[in-house]
Amino acid sequence: MSRERIEGATQKAVGAAKQTVGKALGNEKLQAEGIADKIVGSAKETIGKAKDALHKATR
């Protein structure tokens, strides 16, 4: 599993937590940060999956 894939999954989880806490506290800024983290995390995870597939295909 590539480093990007792990980082992406972690960032998505942190983003989800930020979004939930922001929503619970009524903090729109924290909620927006959480959404942004989830988007960036998804992108990193996708890049990691592509790298894993490429690595697997070239073996």
N, C-alpha and C. Protein backbone atom coordinates (compact mmCIF):
# COMPACT_ATOMS: atom_id res chain seq x y z
N MET A 1 0.85 -1.17 0.00
CA MET A 1 0.00 0.00 0.00
C MET A 1 0.91 1.24 0.00
N SER A 2 0.62 2.16 -0.88
CA SER A 2 1.48 3.34 -1.01
C SER A 2 1.25 4.33 0.13
N ARG A 3 2.26 5.16 0.32
CA ARG A 3 2.22 6.18 1.37
C ARG A 3 1.07 7.15 1.13
N GLU A 4 0.84 7.52 -0.13
CA GLU A 4 -0.23 8.46 -0.46
C GLU A 4 -1.60 7.90 -0.09
N ARG A 5 -1.75 6.62 -0.31
CA ARG A 5 -3.04 5.99 -0.01
C ARG A 5 -3.32 6.04 1.50
N ILE A 6 -2.30 5.77 2.30
CA ILE A 6 -2.45 5.81 3.75
C ILE A 6 -2.69 7.24 4.23
N GLU A 7 -1.90 8.18 3.71
CA GLU A 7 -2.08 9.58 4.08
C GLU A 7 -3.47 10.08 3.70
N GLY A 8 -3.93 9.68 2.53
CA GLY A 8 -5.25 10.11 2.08
C GLY A 8 -6.36 9.60 2.97
N ALA A 9 -6.27 8.33 3.34
CA ALA A 9 -7.29 7.76 4.21
C ALA A 9 -7.28 8.44 5.58
N THR A 10 -6.08 8.73 6.07
CA THR A 10 -5.97 9.41 7.36
C THR A 10 -6.54 10.82 7.28
N GLN A 11 -6.21 11.53 6.22
CA GLN A 11 -6.70 12.90 6.07
C GLN A 11 -8.22 12.93 5.92
N LYS A 12 -8.78 11.94 5.23
CA LYS A 12 -10.23 11.86 5.11
C LYS A 12 -10.88 11.67 6.48
N ALA A 13 -10.28 10.82 7.31
CA ALA A 13 -10.83 10.56 8.64
C ALA A 13 -10.76 11.82 9.51
N VAL A 14 -9.63 12.51 9.45
CA VAL A 14 -9.48 13.76 10.21
C VAL A 14 -10.51 14.79 9.71
N GLY A 15 -10.69 14.86 8.41
CA GLY A 15 -11.66 15.79 7.84
C GLY A 15 -13.07 15.49 8.30
N ALA A 16 -13.40 14.22 8.34
CA ALA A 16 -14.74 13.83 8.79
C ALA A 16 -14.95 14.22 10.25
N ALA A 17 -13.91 14.03 11.06
CA ALA A 17 -14.01 14.42 12.47
C ALA A 17 -14.17 15.93 12.61
N LYS A 18 -13.37 16.69 11.87
CA LYS A 18 -13.47 18.15 11.92
C LYS A 18 -14.86 18.61 11.49
N GLN A 19 -15.37 18.01 10.45
CA GLN A 19 -16.68 18.38 9.94
C GLN A 19 -17.76 18.10 10.99
N THR A 20 -17.68 16.95 11.64
CA THR A 20 -18.66 16.57 12.65
C THR A 20 -18.60 17.50 13.86
N VAL A 21 -17.38 17.78 14.33
CA VAL A 21 -17.22 18.66 15.48
C VAL A 21 -17.68 20.08 15.12
N GLY A 22 -17.31 20.53 13.94
CA GLY A 22 -17.73 21.85 13.50
C GLY A 22 -19.24 21.98 13.43
N LYS A 23 -19.87 20.94 12.94
CA LYS A 23 -21.34 20.95 12.85
C LYS A 23 -21.96 20.96 14.24
N ALA A 24 -21.40 20.15 15.15
CA ALA A 24 -21.94 20.07 16.50
C ALA A 24 -21.79 21.39 17.25
N LEU A 25 -20.70 22.09 17.00
CA LEU A 25 -20.43 23.35 17.70
C LEU A 25 -20.98 24.56 16.96
N GLY A 26 -21.48 24.35 15.76
CA GLY A 26 -21.97 25.46 14.96
C GLY A 26 -20.83 26.31 14.39
N ASN A 27 -19.67 25.70 14.25
CA ASN A 27 -18.48 26.40 13.75
C ASN A 27 -18.35 26.11 12.25
N GLU A 28 -18.78 27.06 11.44
CA GLU A 28 -18.77 26.86 9.99
C GLU A 28 -17.36 26.75 9.42
N LYS A 29 -16.40 27.49 10.02
CA LYS A 29 -15.02 27.44 9.54
C LYS A 29 -14.44 26.03 9.73
N LEU A 30 -14.65 25.45 10.90
CA LEU A 30 -14.14 24.10 11.16
C LEU A 30 -14.83 23.08 10.26
N GLN A 31 -16.10 23.28 10.04
CA GLN A 31 -16.86 22.41 9.15
C GLN A 31 -16.28 22.47 7.73
N ALA A 32 -15.99 23.67 7.26
CA ALA A 32 -15.43 23.85 5.91
C ALA A 32 -14.04 23.24 5.81
N GLU A 33 -13.23 23.40 6.87
CA GLU A 33 -11.90 22.78 6.89
C GLU A 33 -12.03 21.25 6.78
N GLY A 34 -13.01 20.71 7.47
CA GLY A 34 -13.24 19.27 7.43
C GLY A 34 -13.60 18.80 6.04
N ILE A 35 -14.46 19.54 5.38
CA ILE A 35 -14.86 19.19 4.01
C ILE A 35 -13.65 19.26 3.08
N ALA A 36 -12.86 20.31 3.24
CA ALA A 36 -11.66 20.47 2.40
C ALA A 36 -10.68 19.32 2.64
N ASP A 37 -10.48 18.95 3.90
CA ASP A 37 -9.58 17.84 4.23
C ASP A 37 -10.07 16.54 3.61
N LYS A 38 -11.37 16.32 3.64
CA LYS A 38 -11.92 15.10 3.04
C LYS A 38 -11.68 15.07 1.54
N ILE A 39 -11.82 16.20 0.87
CA ILE A 39 -11.60 16.26 -0.58
C ILE A 39 -10.14 15.99 -0.91
N VAL A 40 -9.24 16.65 -0.20
CA VAL A 40 -7.80 16.45 -0.43
C VAL A 40 -7.42 15.01 -0.11
N GLY A 41 -7.97 14.48 0.97
CA GLY A 41 -7.69 13.10 1.35
C GLY A 41 -8.15 12.12 0.29
N SER A 42 -9.32 12.36 -0.29
CA SER A 42 -9.82 11.49 -1.36
C SER A 42 -8.90 11.53 -2.57
N ALA A 43 -8.41 12.73 -2.90
CA ALA A 43 -7.50 12.86 -4.04
C ALA A 43 -6.20 12.10 -3.79
N LYS A 44 -5.64 12.26 -2.59
CA LYS A 44 -4.41 11.55 -2.25
C LYS A 44 -4.62 10.04 -2.30
N GLU A 45 -5.75 9.61 -1.78
CA GLU A 45 -6.05 8.18 -1.76
C GLU A 45 -6.18 7.63 -3.18
N THR A 46 -6.79 8.39 -4.06
CA THR A 46 -6.93 7.99 -5.46
C THR A 46 -5.57 7.89 -6.13
N ILE A 47 -4.71 8.86 -5.88
CA ILE A 47 -3.34 8.81 -6.43
C ILE A 47 -2.61 7.58 -5.90
N GLY A 48 -2.77 7.31 -4.63
CA GLY A 48 -2.14 6.12 -4.04
C GLY A 48 -2.64 4.83 -4.66
N LYS A 49 -3.94 4.76 -4.91
CA LYS A 49 -4.50 3.57 -5.54
C LYS A 49 -3.94 3.40 -6.95
N ALA A 50 -3.81 4.51 -7.68
CA ALA A 50 -3.26 4.45 -9.04
C ALA A 50 -1.81 3.98 -9.00
N LYS A 51 -1.04 4.48 -8.04
CA LYS A 51 0.36 4.06 -7.91
C LYS A 51 0.44 2.57 -7.57
N ASP A 52 -0.43 2.12 -6.69
CA ASP A 52 -0.46 0.69 -6.33
C ASP A 52 -0.78 -0.17 -7.55
N ALA A 53 -1.76 0.27 -8.34
CA ALA A 53 -2.15 -0.49 -9.52
C ALA A 53 -1.02 -0.51 -10.54
N LEU A 54 -0.35 0.61 -10.71
CA LEU A 54 0.78 0.69 -11.64
C LEU A 54 1.91 -0.20 -11.19
N HIS A 55 2.19 -0.18 -9.91
CA HIS A 55 3.26 -1.01 -9.36
C HIS A 55 2.92 -2.50 -9.55
N LYS A 56 1.68 -2.84 -9.28
CA LYS A 56 1.24 -4.22 -9.43
C LYS A 56 1.32 -4.68 -10.91
N ALA A 57 0.95 -3.77 -11.81
CA ALA A 57 0.95 -4.10 -13.24
C ALA A 57 2.35 -4.26 -13.82
N THR A 58 3.32 -3.60 -13.21
CA THR A 58 4.68 -3.66 -13.75
C THR A 58 5.52 -4.75 -13.12
N ARG A 59 4.95 -5.54 -12.28
CA ARG A 59 5.70 -6.65 -11.65
C ARG A 59 5.89 -7.78 -12.61
